[in-house]
Amino acid sequence: AFSTVFAKLIDYKSGFTGRHSHEIAKKAAFMGRFYGFDKEE
């Protein structure tokens, strides 16, 4: 919940990278599911 707000604010720094932090966050969590990590990981 609060990571999403962090990502939105950080990505504001650069219009060129747009939603980079948000996309990395989503992809990292997806890879966690891919590997069978628990929800906390």
Full PDB file with SEQRES, HELIX, SHEET, SSBOND, CRYST1, ORIGX, SCALE, CONECT and MASTER records, all heavy atoms in Angstrom:
SEQRES   1 A   41  ALA PHE SER THR VAL PHE ALA LYS LEU ILE ASP TYR LYS          
SEQRES   2 A   41  SER GLY PHE THR GLY ARG HIS SER HIS GLU ILE ALA LYS          
SEQRES   3 A   41  LYS ALA ALA PHE MET GLY ARG PHE TYR GLY PHE ASP LYS          
SEQRES   4 A   41  GLU GLU                                                      
HELIX    1 AA1 PHE A    2  TYR A   12  1                                  11    
HELIX    2 AA2 HIS A   20  PHE A   34  1                                  15    
CRYST1    1.000    1.000    1.000  90.00  90.00  90.00 P 1           1          
ORIGX1      1.000000  0.000000  0.000000        0.00000                         
ORIGX2      0.000000  1.000000  0.000000        0.00000                         
ORIGX3      0.000000  0.000000  1.000000        0.00000                         
SCALE1      1.000000  0.000000  0.000000        0.00000                         
SCALE2      0.000000  1.000000  0.000000        0.00000                         
SCALE3      0.000000  0.000000  1.000000        0.00000                         
ATOM      1  N   ALA A   1       0.822  -1.217   0.000  1.00  0.00           N  
ATOM      2  CA  ALA A   1       0.000   0.000   0.000  1.00  0.00           C  
ATOM      3  C   ALA A   1       0.849   1.257   0.000  1.00  0.00           C  
ATOM      4  O   ALA A   1       0.670   2.151  -0.831  1.00  0.00           O  
ATOM      5  CB  ALA A   1      -0.941  -0.006   1.205  1.00  0.00           C  
ATOM      6  N   PHE A   2       1.783   1.357   0.955  1.00  0.00           N  
ATOM      7  CA  PHE A   2       2.546   2.608   0.956  1.00  0.00           C  
ATOM      8  C   PHE A   2       3.716   2.588  -0.008  1.00  0.00           C  
ATOM      9  O   PHE A   2       4.229   3.638  -0.381  1.00  0.00           O  
ATOM     10  CB  PHE A   2       2.976   3.030   2.369  1.00  0.00           C  
ATOM     11  CG  PHE A   2       3.845   2.090   3.134  1.00  0.00           C  
ATOM     12  CD1 PHE A   2       5.181   1.922   2.789  1.00  0.00           C  
ATOM     13  CD2 PHE A   2       3.345   1.401   4.217  1.00  0.00           C  
ATOM     14  CE1 PHE A   2       5.994   1.080   3.517  1.00  0.00           C  
ATOM     15  CE2 PHE A   2       4.157   0.551   4.949  1.00  0.00           C  
ATOM     16  CZ  PHE A   2       5.470   0.388   4.605  1.00  0.00           C  
ATOM     17  N   SER A   3       4.139   1.389  -0.455  1.00  0.00           N  
ATOM     18  CA  SER A   3       5.176   1.326  -1.495  1.00  0.00           C  
ATOM     19  C   SER A   3       4.689   1.972  -2.783  1.00  0.00           C  
ATOM     20  O   SER A   3       5.463   2.615  -3.506  1.00  0.00           O  
ATOM     21  CB  SER A   3       5.553  -0.129  -1.790  1.00  0.00           C  
ATOM     22  OG  SER A   3       6.093  -0.758  -0.669  1.00  0.00           O  
ATOM     23  N   THR A   4       3.413   1.794  -3.090  1.00  0.00           N  
ATOM     24  CA  THR A   4       2.848   2.340  -4.327  1.00  0.00           C  
ATOM     25  C   THR A   4       2.914   3.858  -4.323  1.00  0.00           C  
ATOM     26  O   THR A   4       3.218   4.491  -5.348  1.00  0.00           O  
ATOM     27  CB  THR A   4       1.401   1.860  -4.500  1.00  0.00           C  
ATOM     28  OG1 THR A   4       1.385   0.426  -4.535  1.00  0.00           O  
ATOM     29  CG2 THR A   4       0.797   2.399  -5.787  1.00  0.00           C  
ATOM     30  N   VAL A   5       2.669   4.472  -3.153  1.00  0.00           N  
ATOM     31  CA  VAL A   5       2.765   5.931  -3.055  1.00  0.00           C  
ATOM     32  C   VAL A   5       4.219   6.363  -3.219  1.00  0.00           C  
ATOM     33  O   VAL A   5       4.522   7.345  -3.899  1.00  0.00           O  
ATOM     34  CB  VAL A   5       2.191   6.424  -1.715  1.00  0.00           C  
ATOM     35  CG1 VAL A   5       2.301   7.940  -1.615  1.00  0.00           C  
ATOM     36  CG2 VAL A   5       0.734   5.994  -1.569  1.00  0.00           C  
ATOM     37  N   PHE A   6       5.145   5.628  -2.592  1.00  0.00           N  
ATOM     38  CA  PHE A   6       6.573   5.913  -2.769  1.00  0.00           C  
ATOM     39  C   PHE A   6       6.943   5.916  -4.251  1.00  0.00           C  
ATOM     40  O   PHE A   6       7.599   6.834  -4.751  1.00  0.00           O  
ATOM     41  CB  PHE A   6       7.415   4.843  -2.062  1.00  0.00           C  
ATOM     42  CG  PHE A   6       7.764   5.157  -0.632  1.00  0.00           C  
ATOM     43  CD1 PHE A   6       7.440   4.278   0.375  1.00  0.00           C  
ATOM     44  CD2 PHE A   6       8.442   6.315  -0.306  1.00  0.00           C  
ATOM     45  CE1 PHE A   6       7.777   4.543   1.693  1.00  0.00           C  
ATOM     46  CE2 PHE A   6       8.797   6.598   1.007  1.00  0.00           C  
ATOM     47  CZ  PHE A   6       8.456   5.702   2.006  1.00  0.00           C  
ATOM     48  N   ALA A   7       6.555   4.852  -4.963  1.00  0.00           N  
ATOM     49  CA  ALA A   7       6.926   4.701  -6.369  1.00  0.00           C  
ATOM     50  C   ALA A   7       6.381   5.852  -7.209  1.00  0.00           C  
ATOM     51  O   ALA A   7       7.072   6.387  -8.086  1.00  0.00           O  
ATOM     52  CB  ALA A   7       6.431   3.363  -6.907  1.00  0.00           C  
ATOM     53  N   LYS A   8       5.162   6.238  -6.942  1.00  0.00           N  
ATOM     54  CA  LYS A   8       4.533   7.316  -7.697  1.00  0.00           C  
ATOM     55  C   LYS A   8       5.305   8.623  -7.529  1.00  0.00           C  
ATOM     56  O   LYS A   8       5.542   9.357  -8.503  1.00  0.00           O  
ATOM     57  CB  LYS A   8       3.079   7.493  -7.231  1.00  0.00           C  
ATOM     58  CG  LYS A   8       2.298   8.554  -7.985  1.00  0.00           C  
ATOM     59  CD  LYS A   8       0.875   8.630  -7.449  1.00  0.00           C  
ATOM     60  CE  LYS A   8       0.055   9.687  -8.181  1.00  0.00           C  
ATOM     61  NZ  LYS A   8      -1.313   9.811  -7.616  1.00  0.00           N  
ATOM     62  N   LEU A   9       5.716   8.909  -6.303  1.00  0.00           N  
ATOM     63  CA  LEU A   9       6.448  10.140  -6.038  1.00  0.00           C  
ATOM     64  C   LEU A   9       7.856  10.099  -6.623  1.00  0.00           C  
ATOM     65  O   LEU A   9       8.334  11.085  -7.188  1.00  0.00           O  
ATOM     66  CB  LEU A   9       6.510  10.386  -4.522  1.00  0.00           C  
ATOM     67  CG  LEU A   9       5.185  10.790  -3.873  1.00  0.00           C  
ATOM     68  CD1 LEU A   9       5.272  10.646  -2.357  1.00  0.00           C  
ATOM     69  CD2 LEU A   9       4.803  12.218  -4.232  1.00  0.00           C  
ATOM     70  N   ILE A  10       8.528   8.962  -6.489  1.00  0.00           N  
ATOM     71  CA  ILE A  10       9.885   8.835  -7.031  1.00  0.00           C  
ATOM     72  C   ILE A  10       9.877   8.959  -8.554  1.00  0.00           C  
ATOM     73  O   ILE A  10      10.729   9.625  -9.145  1.00  0.00           O  
ATOM     74  CB  ILE A  10      10.518   7.495  -6.592  1.00  0.00           C  
ATOM     75  CG1 ILE A  10      10.766   7.514  -5.074  1.00  0.00           C  
ATOM     76  CG2 ILE A  10      11.826   7.239  -7.332  1.00  0.00           C  
ATOM     77  CD1 ILE A  10      11.110   6.162  -4.503  1.00  0.00           C  
ATOM     78  N   ASP A  11       8.899   8.345  -9.194  1.00  0.00           N  
ATOM     79  CA  ASP A  11       8.834   8.394 -10.655  1.00  0.00           C  
ATOM     80  C   ASP A  11       8.522   9.787 -11.177  1.00  0.00           C  
ATOM     81  O   ASP A  11       8.794  10.092 -12.339  1.00  0.00           O  
ATOM     82  CB  ASP A  11       7.787   7.400 -11.174  1.00  0.00           C  
ATOM     83  CG  ASP A  11       8.288   5.966 -11.145  1.00  0.00           C  
ATOM     84  OD1 ASP A  11       9.515   5.773 -11.043  1.00  0.00           O  
ATOM     85  OD2 ASP A  11       7.460   5.042 -11.220  1.00  0.00           O  
ATOM     86  N   TYR A  12       7.951  10.641 -10.330  1.00  0.00           N  
ATOM     87  CA  TYR A  12       7.702  12.016 -10.755  1.00  0.00           C  
ATOM     88  C   TYR A  12       9.002  12.741 -11.089  1.00  0.00           C  
ATOM     89  O   TYR A  12       9.030  13.650 -11.925  1.00  0.00           O  
ATOM     90  CB  TYR A  12       6.952  12.799  -9.675  1.00  0.00           C  
ATOM     91  CG  TYR A  12       6.905  14.275  -9.987  1.00  0.00           C  
ATOM     92  CD1 TYR A  12       6.080  14.761 -10.999  1.00  0.00           C  
ATOM     93  CD2 TYR A  12       7.739  15.173  -9.324  1.00  0.00           C  
ATOM     94  CE1 TYR A  12       6.069  16.109 -11.328  1.00  0.00           C  
ATOM     95  CE2 TYR A  12       7.736  16.522  -9.651  1.00  0.00           C  
ATOM     96  CZ  TYR A  12       6.892  16.980 -10.646  1.00  0.00           C  
ATOM     97  OH  TYR A  12       6.899  18.308 -10.973  1.00  0.00           O  
ATOM     98  N   LYS A  13      10.105  12.333 -10.484  1.00  0.00           N  
ATOM     99  CA  LYS A  13      11.400  12.998 -10.681  1.00  0.00           C  
ATOM    100  C   LYS A  13      11.752  13.098 -12.155  1.00  0.00           C  
ATOM    101  O   LYS A  13      12.318  14.087 -12.606  1.00  0.00           O  
ATOM    102  CB  LYS A  13      12.478  12.220  -9.916  1.00  0.00           C  
ATOM    103  CG  LYS A  13      13.906  12.680 -10.156  1.00  0.00           C  
ATOM    104  CD  LYS A  13      14.216  13.969  -9.441  1.00  0.00           C  
ATOM    105  CE  LYS A  13      15.688  14.332  -9.580  1.00  0.00           C  
ATOM    106  NZ  LYS A  13      16.039  15.526  -8.840  1.00  0.00           N  
ATOM    107  N   SER A  14      11.437  12.055 -12.908  1.00  0.00           N  
ATOM    108  CA  SER A  14      11.833  12.053 -14.317  1.00  0.00           C  
ATOM    109  C   SER A  14      10.673  11.673 -15.219  1.00  0.00           C  
ATOM    110  O   SER A  14      10.151  10.568 -15.129  1.00  0.00           O  
ATOM    111  CB  SER A  14      12.995  11.069 -14.545  1.00  0.00           C  
ATOM    112  OG  SER A  14      13.274  10.962 -15.921  1.00  0.00           O  
ATOM    113  N   GLY A  15      10.299  12.597 -16.089  1.00  0.00           N  
ATOM    114  CA  GLY A  15       9.259  12.291 -17.057  1.00  0.00           C  
ATOM    115  C   GLY A  15       9.707  11.235 -18.052  1.00  0.00           C  
ATOM    116  O   GLY A  15       8.894  10.522 -18.635  1.00  0.00           O  
ATOM    117  N   PHE A  16      11.034  11.106 -18.250  1.00  0.00           N  
ATOM    118  CA  PHE A  16      11.555  10.146 -19.204  1.00  0.00           C  
ATOM    119  C   PHE A  16      11.325   8.713 -18.735  1.00  0.00           C  
ATOM    120  O   PHE A  16      11.089   7.816 -19.533  1.00  0.00           O  
ATOM    121  CB  PHE A  16      13.056  10.363 -19.419  1.00  0.00           C  
ATOM    122  CG  PHE A  16      13.370  11.568 -20.263  1.00  0.00           C  
ATOM    123  CD1 PHE A  16      14.685  11.914 -20.529  1.00  0.00           C  
ATOM    124  CD2 PHE A  16      12.367  12.363 -20.791  1.00  0.00           C  
ATOM    125  CE1 PHE A  16      15.001  13.016 -21.304  1.00  0.00           C  
ATOM    126  CE2 PHE A  16      12.656  13.467 -21.567  1.00  0.00           C  
ATOM    127  CZ  PHE A  16      13.979  13.799 -21.819  1.00  0.00           C  
ATOM    128  N   THR A  17      11.484   8.480 -17.445  1.00  0.00           N  
ATOM    129  CA  THR A  17      11.357   7.111 -16.940  1.00  0.00           C  
ATOM    130  C   THR A  17       9.943   6.779 -16.516  1.00  0.00           C  
ATOM    131  O   THR A  17       9.656   5.630 -16.181  1.00  0.00           O  
ATOM    132  CB  THR A  17      12.325   6.872 -15.768  1.00  0.00           C  
ATOM    133  OG1 THR A  17      12.115   7.865 -14.762  1.00  0.00           O  
ATOM    134  CG2 THR A  17      13.768   6.941 -16.242  1.00  0.00           C  
ATOM    135  N   GLY A  18       9.051   7.763 -16.531  1.00  0.00           N  
ATOM    136  CA  GLY A  18       7.627   7.514 -16.343  1.00  0.00           C  
ATOM    137  C   GLY A  18       7.276   6.698 -15.123  1.00  0.00           C  
ATOM    138  O   GLY A  18       7.354   7.178 -14.002  1.00  0.00           O  
ATOM    139  N   ARG A  19       6.903   5.431 -15.359  1.00  0.00           N  
ATOM    140  CA  ARG A  19       6.441   4.551 -14.289  1.00  0.00           C  
ATOM    141  C   ARG A  19       7.490   3.484 -13.974  1.00  0.00           C  
ATOM    142  O   ARG A  19       7.176   2.379 -13.560  1.00  0.00           O  
ATOM    143  CB  ARG A  19       5.127   3.890 -14.720  1.00  0.00           C  
ATOM    144  CG  ARG A  19       3.938   4.843 -14.750  1.00  0.00           C  
ATOM    145  CD  ARG A  19       2.752   4.224 -15.476  1.00  0.00           C  
ATOM    146  NE  ARG A  19       2.419   2.901 -14.968  1.00  0.00           N  
ATOM    147  CZ  ARG A  19       1.651   2.662 -13.918  1.00  0.00           C  
ATOM    148  NH1 ARG A  19       1.154   3.682 -13.233  1.00  0.00           N  
ATOM    149  NH2 ARG A  19       1.365   1.437 -13.534  1.00  0.00           N  
ATOM    150  N   HIS A  20       8.768   3.818 -14.134  1.00  0.00           N  
ATOM    151  CA  HIS A  20       9.833   2.824 -14.003  1.00  0.00           C  
ATOM    152  C   HIS A  20       9.822   2.132 -12.644  1.00  0.00           C  
ATOM    153  O   HIS A  20       9.849   0.900 -12.565  1.00  0.00           O  
ATOM    154  CB  HIS A  20      11.186   3.490 -14.252  1.00  0.00           C  
ATOM    155  CG  HIS A  20      12.358   2.564 -14.116  1.00  0.00           C  
ATOM    156  ND1 HIS A  20      12.683   1.625 -15.071  1.00  0.00           N  
ATOM    157  CD2 HIS A  20      13.277   2.426 -13.124  1.00  0.00           C  
ATOM    158  CE1 HIS A  20      13.758   0.954 -14.682  1.00  0.00           C  
ATOM    159  NE2 HIS A  20      14.135   1.420 -13.508  1.00  0.00           N  
ATOM    160  N   SER A  21       9.796   2.904 -11.564  1.00  0.00           N  
ATOM    161  CA  SER A  21       9.837   2.308 -10.225  1.00  0.00           C  
ATOM    162  C   SER A  21       8.609   1.442  -9.980  1.00  0.00           C  
ATOM    163  O   SER A  21       8.708   0.342  -9.406  1.00  0.00           O  
ATOM    164  CB  SER A  21       9.926   3.406  -9.160  1.00  0.00           C  
ATOM    165  OG  SER A  21      11.112   4.146  -9.306  1.00  0.00           O  
ATOM    166  N   HIS A  22       7.462   1.930 -10.413  1.00  0.00           N  
ATOM    167  CA  HIS A  22       6.222   1.184 -10.226  1.00  0.00           C  
ATOM    168  C   HIS A  22       6.269  -0.136 -11.002  1.00  0.00           C  
ATOM    169  O   HIS A  22       5.837  -1.184 -10.492  1.00  0.00           O  
ATOM    170  CB  HIS A  22       5.035   2.028 -10.675  1.00  0.00           C  
ATOM    171  CG  HIS A  22       3.701   1.471 -10.299  1.00  0.00           C  
ATOM    172  ND1 HIS A  22       3.298   1.323  -8.990  1.00  0.00           N  
ATOM    173  CD2 HIS A  22       2.673   1.008 -11.061  1.00  0.00           C  
ATOM    174  CE1 HIS A  22       2.088   0.798  -8.955  1.00  0.00           C  
ATOM    175  NE2 HIS A  22       1.694   0.597 -10.191  1.00  0.00           N  
ATOM    176  N   GLU A  23       6.799  -0.095 -12.212  1.00  0.00           N  
ATOM    177  CA  GLU A  23       6.883  -1.309 -13.026  1.00  0.00           C  
ATOM    178  C   GLU A  23       7.895  -2.304 -12.454  1.00  0.00           C  
ATOM    179  O   GLU A  23       7.665  -3.512 -12.462  1.00  0.00           O  
ATOM    180  CB  GLU A  23       7.256  -0.958 -14.469  1.00  0.00           C  
ATOM    181  CG  GLU A  23       6.128  -0.305 -15.248  1.00  0.00           C  
ATOM    182  CD  GLU A  23       4.912  -1.210 -15.395  1.00  0.00           C  
ATOM    183  OE1 GLU A  23       5.085  -2.437 -15.508  1.00  0.00           O  
ATOM    184  OE2 GLU A  23       3.786  -0.679 -15.381  1.00  0.00           O  
ATOM    185  N   ILE A  24       9.023  -1.802 -11.951  1.00  0.00           N  
ATOM    186  CA  ILE A  24       9.998  -2.689 -11.313  1.00  0.00           C  
ATOM    187  C   ILE A  24       9.372  -3.350 -10.086  1.00  0.00           C  
ATOM    188  O   ILE A  24       9.553  -4.551  -9.847  1.00  0.00           O  
ATOM    189  CB  ILE A  24      11.260  -1.908 -10.899  1.00  0.00           C  
ATOM    190  CG1 ILE A  24      12.030  -1.446 -12.142  1.00  0.00           C  
ATOM    191  CG2 ILE A  24      12.155  -2.760 -10.003  1.00  0.00           C  
ATOM    192  CD1 ILE A  24      12.764  -2.535 -12.876  1.00  0.00           C  
ATOM    193  N   ALA A  25       8.632  -2.576  -9.309  1.00  0.00           N  
ATOM    194  CA  ALA A  25       7.976  -3.122  -8.118  1.00  0.00           C  
ATOM    195  C   ALA A  25       7.019  -4.250  -8.495  1.00  0.00           C  
ATOM    196  O   ALA A  25       7.026  -5.331  -7.875  1.00  0.00           O  
ATOM    197  CB  ALA A  25       7.231  -2.004  -7.380  1.00  0.00           C  
ATOM    198  N   LYS A  26       6.193  -4.014  -9.508  1.00  0.00           N  
ATOM    199  CA  LYS A  26       5.227  -5.038  -9.930  1.00  0.00           C  
ATOM    200  C   LYS A  26       5.928  -6.278 -10.477  1.00  0.00           C  
ATOM    201  O   LYS A  26       5.527  -7.415 -10.171  1.00  0.00           O  
ATOM    202  CB  LYS A  26       4.276  -4.461 -10.984  1.00  0.00           C  
ATOM    203  CG  LYS A  26       3.299  -3.414 -10.448  1.00  0.00           C  
ATOM    204  CD  LYS A  26       2.199  -3.121 -11.442  1.00  0.00           C  
ATOM    205  CE  LYS A  26       2.717  -2.582 -12.748  1.00  0.00           C  
ATOM    206  NZ  LYS A  26       1.643  -2.272 -13.709  1.00  0.00           N  
ATOM    207  N   LYS A  27       6.946  -6.063 -11.267  1.00  0.00           N  
ATOM    208  CA  LYS A  27       7.653  -7.209 -11.849  1.00  0.00           C  
ATOM    209  C   LYS A  27       8.412  -8.000 -10.787  1.00  0.00           C  
ATOM    210  O   LYS A  27       8.499  -9.231 -10.846  1.00  0.00           O  
ATOM    211  CB  LYS A  27       8.603  -6.735 -12.951  1.00  0.00           C  
ATOM    212  CG  LYS A  27       7.890  -6.366 -14.260  1.00  0.00           C  
ATOM    213  CD  LYS A  27       8.858  -5.934 -15.330  1.00  0.00           C  
ATOM    214  CE  LYS A  27       8.176  -5.813 -16.709  1.00  0.00           C  
ATOM    215  NZ  LYS A  27       7.133  -4.778 -16.744  1.00  0.00           N  
ATOM    216  N   ALA A  28       8.960  -7.300  -9.802  1.00  0.00           N  
ATOM    217  CA  ALA A  28       9.675  -7.991  -8.719  1.00  0.00           C  
ATOM    218  C   ALA A  28       8.715  -8.870  -7.922  1.00  0.00           C  
ATOM    219  O   ALA A  28       9.026 -10.023  -7.595  1.00  0.00           O  
ATOM    220  CB  ALA A  28      10.351  -6.970  -7.808  1.00  0.00           C  
ATOM    221  N   ALA A  29       7.537  -8.333  -7.612  1.00  0.00           N  
ATOM    222  CA  ALA A  29       6.548  -9.124  -6.879  1.00  0.00           C  
ATOM    223  C   ALA A  29       6.068 -10.307  -7.715  1.00  0.00           C  
ATOM    224  O   ALA A  29       5.855 -11.414  -7.188  1.00  0.00           O  
ATOM    225  CB  ALA A  29       5.368  -8.236  -6.484  1.00  0.00           C  
ATOM    226  N   PHE A  30       5.898 -10.075  -9.020  1.00  0.00           N  
ATOM    227  CA  PHE A  30       5.466 -11.160  -9.903  1.00  0.00           C  
ATOM    228  C   PHE A  30       6.518 -12.273  -9.941  1.00  0.00           C  
ATOM    229  O   PHE A  30       6.178 -13.464  -9.909  1.00  0.00           O  
ATOM    230  CB  PHE A  30       5.231 -10.628 -11.319  1.00  0.00           C  
ATOM    231  CG  PHE A  30       4.668 -11.649 -12.270  1.00  0.00           C  
ATOM    232  CD1 PHE A  30       3.317 -11.954 -12.263  1.00  0.00           C  
ATOM    233  CD2 PHE A  30       5.490 -12.315 -13.161  1.00  0.00           C  
ATOM    234  CE1 PHE A  30       2.791 -12.905 -13.132  1.00  0.00           C  
ATOM    235  CE2 PHE A  30       4.981 -13.263 -14.037  1.00  0.00           C  
ATOM    236  CZ  PHE A  30       3.623 -13.562 -14.025  1.00  0.00           C  
ATOM    237  N   MET A  31       7.789 -11.907  -9.988  1.00  0.00           N  
ATOM    238  CA  MET A  31       8.844 -12.910  -9.966  1.00  0.00           C  
ATOM    239  C   MET A  31       8.842 -13.658  -8.632  1.00  0.00           C  
ATOM    240  O   MET A  31       9.143 -14.856  -8.582  1.00  0.00           O  
ATOM    241  CB  MET A  31      10.210 -12.258 -10.203  1.00  0.00           C  
ATOM    242  CG  MET A  31      10.431 -11.747 -11.615  1.00  0.00           C  
ATOM    243  SD  MET A  31      10.212 -13.010 -12.913  1.00  0.00           S  
ATOM    244  CE  MET A  31      11.532 -14.147 -12.509  1.00  0.00           C  
ATOM    245  N   GLY A  32       8.491 -12.951  -7.563  1.00  0.00           N  
ATOM    246  CA  GLY A  32       8.367 -13.625  -6.277  1.00  0.00           C  
ATOM    247  C   GLY A  32       7.310 -14.712  -6.317  1.00  0.00           C  
ATOM    248  O   GLY A  32       7.498 -15.820  -5.781  1.00  0.00           O  
ATOM    249  N   ARG A  33       6.190 -14.417  -6.984  1.00  0.00           N  
ATOM    250  CA  ARG A  33       5.136 -15.439  -7.144  1.00  0.00           C  
ATOM    251  C   ARG A  33       5.616 -16.556  -8.067  1.00  0.00           C  
ATOM    252  O   ARG A  33       5.324 -17.733  -7.828  1.00  0.00           O  
ATOM    253  CB  ARG A  33       3.861 -14.787  -7.697  1.00  0.00           C  
ATOM    254  CG  ARG A  33       3.188 -13.860  -6.697  1.00  0.00           C  
ATOM    255  CD  ARG A  33       1.808 -13.417  -7.152  1.00  0.00           C  
ATOM    256  NE  ARG A  33       1.841 -12.473  -8.255  1.00  0.00           N  
ATOM    257  CZ  ARG A  33       2.048 -11.170  -8.125  1.00  0.00           C  
ATOM    258  NH1 ARG A  33       2.263 -10.651  -6.925  1.00  0.00           N  
ATOM    259  NH2 ARG A  33       2.044 -10.371  -9.178  1.00  0.00           N  
ATOM    260  N   PHE A  34       6.346 -16.186  -9.105  1.00  0.00           N  
ATOM    261  CA  PHE A  34       6.892 -17.159 -10.046  1.00  0.00           C  
ATOM    262  C   PHE A  34       7.778 -18.179  -9.313  1.00  0.00           C  
ATOM    263  O   PHE A  34       7.749 -19.379  -9.595  1.00  0.00           O  
ATOM    264  CB  PHE A  34       7.701 -16.422 -11.121  1.00  0.00           C  
ATOM    265  CG  PHE A  34       8.416 -17.308 -12.102  1.00  0.00           C  
ATOM    266  CD1 PHE A  34       7.773 -17.784 -13.242  1.00  0.00           C  
ATOM    267  CD2 PHE A  34       9.753 -17.663 -11.897  1.00  0.00           C  
ATOM    268  CE1 PHE A  34       8.443 -18.594 -14.158  1.00  0.00           C  
ATOM    269  CE2 PHE A  34      10.418 -18.474 -12.808  1.00  0.00           C  
ATOM    270  CZ  PHE A  34       9.772 -18.943 -13.939  1.00  0.00           C  
ATOM    271  N   TYR A  35       8.561 -17.690  -8.360  1.00  0.00           N  
ATOM    272  CA  TYR A  35       9.467 -18.568  -7.613  1.00  0.00           C  
ATOM    273  C   TYR A  35       8.791 -19.270  -6.425  1.00  0.00           C  
ATOM    274  O   TYR A  35       9.424 -20.073  -5.755  1.00  0.00           O  
ATOM    275  CB  TYR A  35      10.656 -17.765  -7.091  1.00  0.00           C  
ATOM    276  CG  TYR A  35      11.624 -17.317  -8.164  1.00  0.00           C  
ATOM    277  CD1 TYR A  35      11.920 -15.963  -8.336  1.00  0.00           C  
ATOM    278  CD2 TYR A  35      12.254 -18.239  -8.997  1.00  0.00           C  
ATOM    279  CE1 TYR A  35      12.817 -15.544  -9.314  1.00  0.00           C  
ATOM    280  CE2 TYR A  35      13.144 -17.828  -9.982  1.00  0.00           C  
ATOM    281  CZ  TYR A  35      13.428 -16.484 -10.141  1.00  0.00           C  
ATOM    282  OH  TYR A  35      14.312 -16.077 -11.110  1.00  0.00           O  
ATOM    283  N   GLY A  36       7.530 -18.937  -6.168  1.00  0.00           N  
ATOM    284  CA  GLY A  36       6.830 -19.561  -5.058  1.00  0.00           C  
ATOM    285  C   GLY A  36       7.181 -18.976  -3.703  1.00  0.00           C  
ATOM    286  O   GLY A  36       6.967 -19.624  -2.662  1.00  0.00           O  
ATOM    287  N   PHE A  37       7.705 -17.735  -3.676  1.00  0.00           N  
ATOM    288  CA  PHE A  37       8.006 -17.087  -2.405  1.00  0.00           C  
ATOM    289  C   PHE A  37       6.712 -16.798  -1.656  1.00  0.00           C  
ATOM    290  O   PHE A  37       5.645 -16.621  -2.271  1.00  0.00           O  
ATOM    291  CB  PHE A  37       8.746 -15.769  -2.628  1.00  0.00           C  
ATOM    292  CG  PHE A  37      10.109 -15.905  -3.249  1.00  0.00           C  
ATOM    293  CD1 PHE A  37      10.740 -14.808  -3.808  1.00  0.00           C  
ATOM    294  CD2 PHE A  37      10.764 -17.125  -3.277  1.00  0.00           C  
ATOM    295  CE1 PHE A  37      11.996 -14.911  -4.378  1.00  0.00           C  
ATOM    296  CE2 PHE A  37      12.031 -17.259  -3.851  1.00  0.00           C  
ATOM    297  CZ  PHE A  37      12.640 -16.151  -4.404  1.00  0.00           C  
ATOM    298  N   ASP A  38       6.784 -16.701  -0.334  1.00  0.00           N  
ATOM    299  CA  ASP A  38       5.582 -16.389   0.443  1.00  0.00           C  
ATOM    300  C   ASP A  38       5.196 -14.920   0.224  1.00  0.00           C  
ATOM    301  O   ASP A  38       5.947 -14.133  -0.364  1.00  0.00           O  
ATOM    302  CB  ASP A  38       5.766 -16.714   1.926  1.00  0.00           C  
ATOM    303  CG  ASP A  38       6.871 -15.905   2.601  1.00  0.00           C  
ATOM    304  OD1 ASP A  38       7.141 -14.755   2.183  1.00  0.00           O  
ATOM    305  OD2 ASP A  38       7.473 -16.408   3.564  1.00  0.00           O  
ATOM    306  N   LYS A  39       4.014 -14.550   0.723  1.00  0.00           N  
ATOM    307  CA  LYS A  39       3.473 -13.216   0.451  1.00  0.00           C  
ATOM    308  C   LYS A  39       4.352 -12.111   1.037  1.00  0.00           C  
ATOM    309  O   LYS A  39       4.462 -11.024   0.459  1.00  0.00           O  
ATOM    310  CB  LYS A  39       2.044 -13.111   0.992  1.00  0.00           C  
ATOM    311  CG  LYS A  39       1.030 -13.891   0.163  1.00  0.00           C  
ATOM    312  CD  LYS A  39      -0.391 -13.628   0.636  1.00  0.00           C  
ATOM    313  CE  LYS A  39      -1.402 -14.333  -0.263  1.00  0.00           C  
ATOM    314  NZ  LYS A  39      -2.801 -14.085   0.161  1.00  0.00           N  
ATOM    315  N   GLU A  40       4.967 -12.376   2.178  1.00  0.00           N  
ATOM    316  CA  GLU A  40       5.824 -11.346   2.769  1.00  0.00           C  
ATOM    317  C   GLU A  40       7.042 -11.087   1.889  1.00  0.00           C  
ATOM    318  O   GLU A  40       7.421  -9.938   1.660  1.00  0.00           O  
ATOM    319  CB  GLU A  40       6.276 -11.746   4.170  1.00  0.00           C  
ATOM    320  CG  GLU A  40       7.176 -10.690   4.809  1.00  0.00           C  
ATOM    321  CD  GLU A  40       7.493 -10.959   6.262  1.00  0.00           C  
ATOM    322  OE1 GLU A  40       6.567 -11.316   7.013  1.00  0.00           O  
ATOM    323  OE2 GLU A  40       8.666 -10.808   6.643  1.00  0.00           O  
ATOM    324  N   GLU A  41       7.658 -12.155   1.382  1.00  0.00           N  
ATOM    325  CA  GLU A  41       8.816 -11.995   0.510  1.00  0.00           C  
ATOM    326  C   GLU A  41       8.420 -11.264  -0.774  1.00  0.00           C  
ATOM    327  O   GLU A  41       9.160 -10.404  -1.272  1.00  0.00           O  
ATOM    328  CB  GLU A  41       9.413 -13.356   0.183  1.00  0.00           C  
ATOM    329  CG  GLU A  41      10.758 -13.305  -0.514  1.00  0.00           C  
ATOM    330  CD  GLU A  41      11.931 -13.211   0.448  1.00  0.00           C  
ATOM    331  OE1 GLU A  41      11.695 -12.921   1.637  1.00  0.00           O  
ATOM    332  OE2 GLU A  41      13.067 -13.402   0.009  1.00  0.00           O  
TER     333      GLU A  41                                                      
MASTER        0    0    0    2    0    0    0    6  332    1    0    4          
END                                                                             
